[in-house]
Amino acid sequence: MLVAMLLEDMLSDFGCSIVGPAPTIGEALPLAMEAEIDAAVLDLNLGGQPIFPVADALRARGVPYIFASGYGDSGLSDAHRGAPMLQKPFRQADLEKALAGLKR
């Protein structure tokens, strides 16, 4: 939760409106399917569950996303290889660069 709060602060510094955080897949999936979202930062693992259903819902809506992980690309499924990745721990400049590279 501390990382989520730090991420919220970074995004707020960029002028972003925050949707979430959603600490479980059950909370994140409805947001991914229905909330007004321009982009998302997804921790690769929420409570021991991979975030892929949430990423799939965002992809279906055309919402770009970035995975955040301490495991790098090794934690990605084949279907999600090549998705933007932020290696934890990351700095504010890393987040800004990753967000700037997203395409909608």
C-alpha atoms as a PDB file:
ATOM      1  CA  MET A   1       0.000   0.000   0.000  1.00  0.00           C
ATOM      2  CA  LEU A   2       2.954   2.296   0.621  1.00  0.00           C
ATOM      3  CA  VAL A   3       4.041   1.902  -3.018  1.00  0.00           C
ATOM      4  CA  ALA A   4       0.491   2.712  -4.153  1.00  0.00           C
ATOM      5  CA  MET A   5       0.520   5.914  -2.111  1.00  0.00           C
ATOM      6  CA  LEU A   6       3.892   6.903  -3.539  1.00  0.00           C
ATOM      7  CA  LEU A   7       2.612   6.210  -7.060  1.00  0.00           C
ATOM      8  CA  GLU A   8      -0.479   8.327  -6.375  1.00  0.00           C
ATOM      9  CA  ASP A   9       1.760  11.209  -5.289  1.00  0.00           C
ATOM     10  CA  MET A  10       3.869  10.911  -8.439  1.00  0.00           C
ATOM     11  CA  LEU A  11       0.816  10.821 -10.695  1.00  0.00           C
ATOM     12  CA  SER A  12      -0.736  13.773  -8.878  1.00  0.00           C
ATOM     13  CA  ASP A  13       2.482  15.722  -9.476  1.00  0.00           C
ATOM     14  CA  PHE A  14       1.927  15.113 -13.207  1.00  0.00           C
ATOM     15  CA  GLY A  15      -1.626  16.491 -12.944  1.00  0.00           C
ATOM     16  CA  CYS A  16      -3.315  13.102 -13.290  1.00  0.00           C
ATOM     17  CA  SER A  17      -6.665  12.267 -11.731  1.00  0.00           C
ATOM     18  CA  ILE A  18      -6.414   9.027  -9.796  1.00  0.00           C
ATOM     19  CA  VAL A  19      -8.828   6.104 -10.173  1.00  0.00           C
ATOM     20  CA  GLY A  20      -8.113   3.587  -7.467  1.00  0.00           C
ATOM     21  CA  PRO A  21      -5.973   2.220  -6.041  1.00  0.00           C
ATOM     22  CA  ALA A  22      -7.490  -1.218  -6.330  1.00  0.00           C
ATOM     23  CA  PRO A  23      -5.599  -3.660  -4.092  1.00  0.00           C
ATOM     24  CA  THR A  24      -7.356  -6.799  -5.395  1.00  0.00           C
ATOM     25  CA  ILE A  25      -8.319  -8.205  -8.787  1.00  0.00           C
ATOM     26  CA  GLY A  26     -11.950  -8.108  -7.646  1.00  0.00           C
ATOM     27  CA  GLU A  27     -11.718  -4.344  -7.115  1.00  0.00           C
ATOM     28  CA  ALA A  28      -9.551  -3.631 -10.157  1.00  0.00           C
ATOM     29  CA  LEU A  29     -11.579  -5.518 -12.761  1.00  0.00           C
ATOM     30  CA  PRO A  30     -14.765  -3.407 -12.512  1.00  0.00           C
ATOM     31  CA  LEU A  31     -12.662  -0.248 -12.766  1.00  0.00           C
ATOM     32  CA  ALA A  32     -10.879  -1.613 -15.823  1.00  0.00           C
ATOM     33  CA  MET A  33     -14.197  -2.470 -17.466  1.00  0.00           C
ATOM     34  CA  GLU A  34     -16.242   0.629 -16.597  1.00  0.00           C
ATOM     35  CA  ALA A  35     -14.292   3.588 -15.193  1.00  0.00           C
ATOM     36  CA  GLU A  36     -13.187   6.550 -17.276  1.00  0.00           C
ATOM     37  CA  ILE A  37      -9.489   5.795 -17.573  1.00  0.00           C
ATOM     38  CA  ASP A  38      -6.928   7.342 -19.914  1.00  0.00           C
ATOM     39  CA  ALA A  39      -4.119   4.987 -18.853  1.00  0.00           C
ATOM     40  CA  ALA A  40      -3.287   2.566 -16.054  1.00  0.00           C
ATOM     41  CA  VAL A  41      -0.280   1.469 -14.035  1.00  0.00           C
ATOM     42  CA  LEU A  42      -0.746  -2.172 -13.050  1.00  0.00           C
ATOM     43  CA  ASP A  43       1.284  -4.007 -10.447  1.00  0.00           C
ATOM     44  CA  LEU A  44       1.985  -7.380 -12.002  1.00  0.00           C
ATOM     45  CA  ASN A  45       0.874  -9.215  -8.873  1.00  0.00           C
ATOM     46  CA  LEU A  46      -2.067  -8.245  -6.666  1.00  0.00           C
ATOM     47  CA  GLY A  47      -2.422 -10.300  -3.525  1.00  0.00           C
ATOM     48  CA  GLY A  48      -0.721 -13.294  -5.132  1.00  0.00           C
ATOM     49  CA  GLN A  49      -2.817 -13.115  -8.294  1.00  0.00           C
ATOM     50  CA  PRO A  50      -1.504 -12.057 -11.707  1.00  0.00           C
ATOM     51  CA  ILE A  51      -3.058  -8.838 -13.021  1.00  0.00           C
ATOM     52  CA  PHE A  52      -3.603 -10.195 -16.534  1.00  0.00           C
ATOM     53  CA  PRO A  53      -7.442 -10.240 -16.465  1.00  0.00           C
ATOM     54  CA  VAL A  54      -7.360  -6.511 -15.686  1.00  0.00           C
ATOM     55  CA  ALA A  55      -4.836  -5.854 -18.461  1.00  0.00           C
ATOM     56  CA  ASP A  56      -7.026  -7.824 -20.872  1.00  0.00           C
ATOM     57  CA  ALA A  57     -10.096  -5.757 -19.943  1.00  0.00           C
ATOM     58  CA  LEU A  58      -8.169  -2.524 -20.473  1.00  0.00           C
ATOM     59  CA  ARG A  59      -6.795  -3.766 -23.800  1.00  0.00           C
ATOM     60  CA  ALA A  60     -10.318  -4.652 -24.956  1.00  0.00           C
ATOM     61  CA  ARG A  61     -11.352  -1.036 -24.285  1.00  0.00           C
ATOM     62  CA  GLY A  62      -8.250   0.402 -25.948  1.00  0.00           C
ATOM     63  CA  VAL A  63      -6.903   1.801 -22.672  1.00  0.00           C
ATOM     64  CA  PRO A  64      -3.085   1.770 -22.556  1.00  0.00           C
ATOM     65  CA  TYR A  65      -1.357   0.386 -19.494  1.00  0.00           C
ATOM     66  CA  ILE A  66       2.057  -0.100 -17.963  1.00  0.00           C
ATOM     67  CA  PHE A  67       3.041  -3.085 -15.843  1.00  0.00           C
ATOM     68  CA  ALA A  68       5.092  -2.406 -12.707  1.00  0.00           C
ATOM     69  CA  SER A  69       7.126  -5.295 -11.372  1.00  0.00           C
ATOM     70  CA  GLY A  70      10.221  -6.173  -9.463  1.00  0.00           C
ATOM     71  CA  TYR A  71      10.546  -9.294 -11.623  1.00  0.00           C
ATOM     72  CA  GLY A  72      10.903  -7.568 -14.991  1.00  0.00           C
ATOM     73  CA  ASP A  73       9.639  -9.261 -18.139  1.00  0.00           C
ATOM     74  CA  SER A  74      10.078 -12.717 -16.613  1.00  0.00           C
ATOM     75  CA  GLY A  75       6.717 -12.379 -14.854  1.00  0.00           C
ATOM     76  CA  LEU A  76       4.794 -11.648 -18.044  1.00  0.00           C
ATOM     77  CA  SER A  77       2.643 -14.219 -19.796  1.00  0.00           C
ATOM     78  CA  ASP A  78       3.251 -14.829 -23.496  1.00  0.00           C
ATOM     79  CA  ALA A  79       0.125 -12.821 -24.357  1.00  0.00           C
ATOM     80  CA  HIS A  80       1.525  -9.771 -22.560  1.00  0.00           C
ATOM     81  CA  ARG A  81       5.144  -9.845 -23.703  1.00  0.00           C
ATOM     82  CA  GLY A  82       6.230  -6.526 -25.122  1.00  0.00           C
ATOM     83  CA  ALA A  83       3.860  -4.486 -22.947  1.00  0.00           C
ATOM     84  CA  PRO A  84       5.430  -1.409 -21.336  1.00  0.00           C
ATOM     85  CA  MET A  85       7.170  -2.301 -18.071  1.00  0.00           C
ATOM     86  CA  LEU A  86       8.377  -0.237 -15.132  1.00  0.00           C
ATOM     87  CA  GLN A  87      11.027  -2.044 -13.126  1.00  0.00           C
ATOM     88  CA  LYS A  88      10.446  -1.570  -9.382  1.00  0.00           C
ATOM     89  CA  PRO A  89      11.743   0.342  -7.649  1.00  0.00           C
ATOM     90  CA  PHE A  90      11.306   3.195 -10.109  1.00  0.00           C
ATOM     91  CA  ARG A  91      11.806   6.931  -9.918  1.00  0.00           C
ATOM     92  CA  GLN A  92       9.363   9.635 -10.862  1.00  0.00           C
ATOM     93  CA  ALA A  93      11.335  10.325 -14.051  1.00  0.00           C
ATOM     94  CA  ASP A  94      10.993   6.641 -15.055  1.00  0.00           C
ATOM     95  CA  LEU A  95       7.223   6.813 -14.587  1.00  0.00           C
ATOM     96  CA  GLU A  96       6.980  10.049 -16.539  1.00  0.00           C
ATOM     97  CA  LYS A  97       8.943   8.582 -19.438  1.00  0.00           C
ATOM     98  CA  ALA A  98       6.816   5.411 -19.473  1.00  0.00           C
ATOM     99  CA  LEU A  99       3.572   7.386 -19.445  1.00  0.00           C
ATOM    100  CA  ALA A 100       4.802   9.649 -22.237  1.00  0.00           C
ATOM    101  CA  GLY A 101       5.468   6.565 -24.360  1.00  0.00           C
ATOM    102  CA  LEU A 102       1.923   5.222 -24.097  1.00  0.00           C
ATOM    103  CA  LYS A 103      -0.283   5.381 -27.169  1.00  0.00           C
ATOM    104  CA  ARG A 104      -4.028   5.356 -27.214  1.00  0.00           C
END
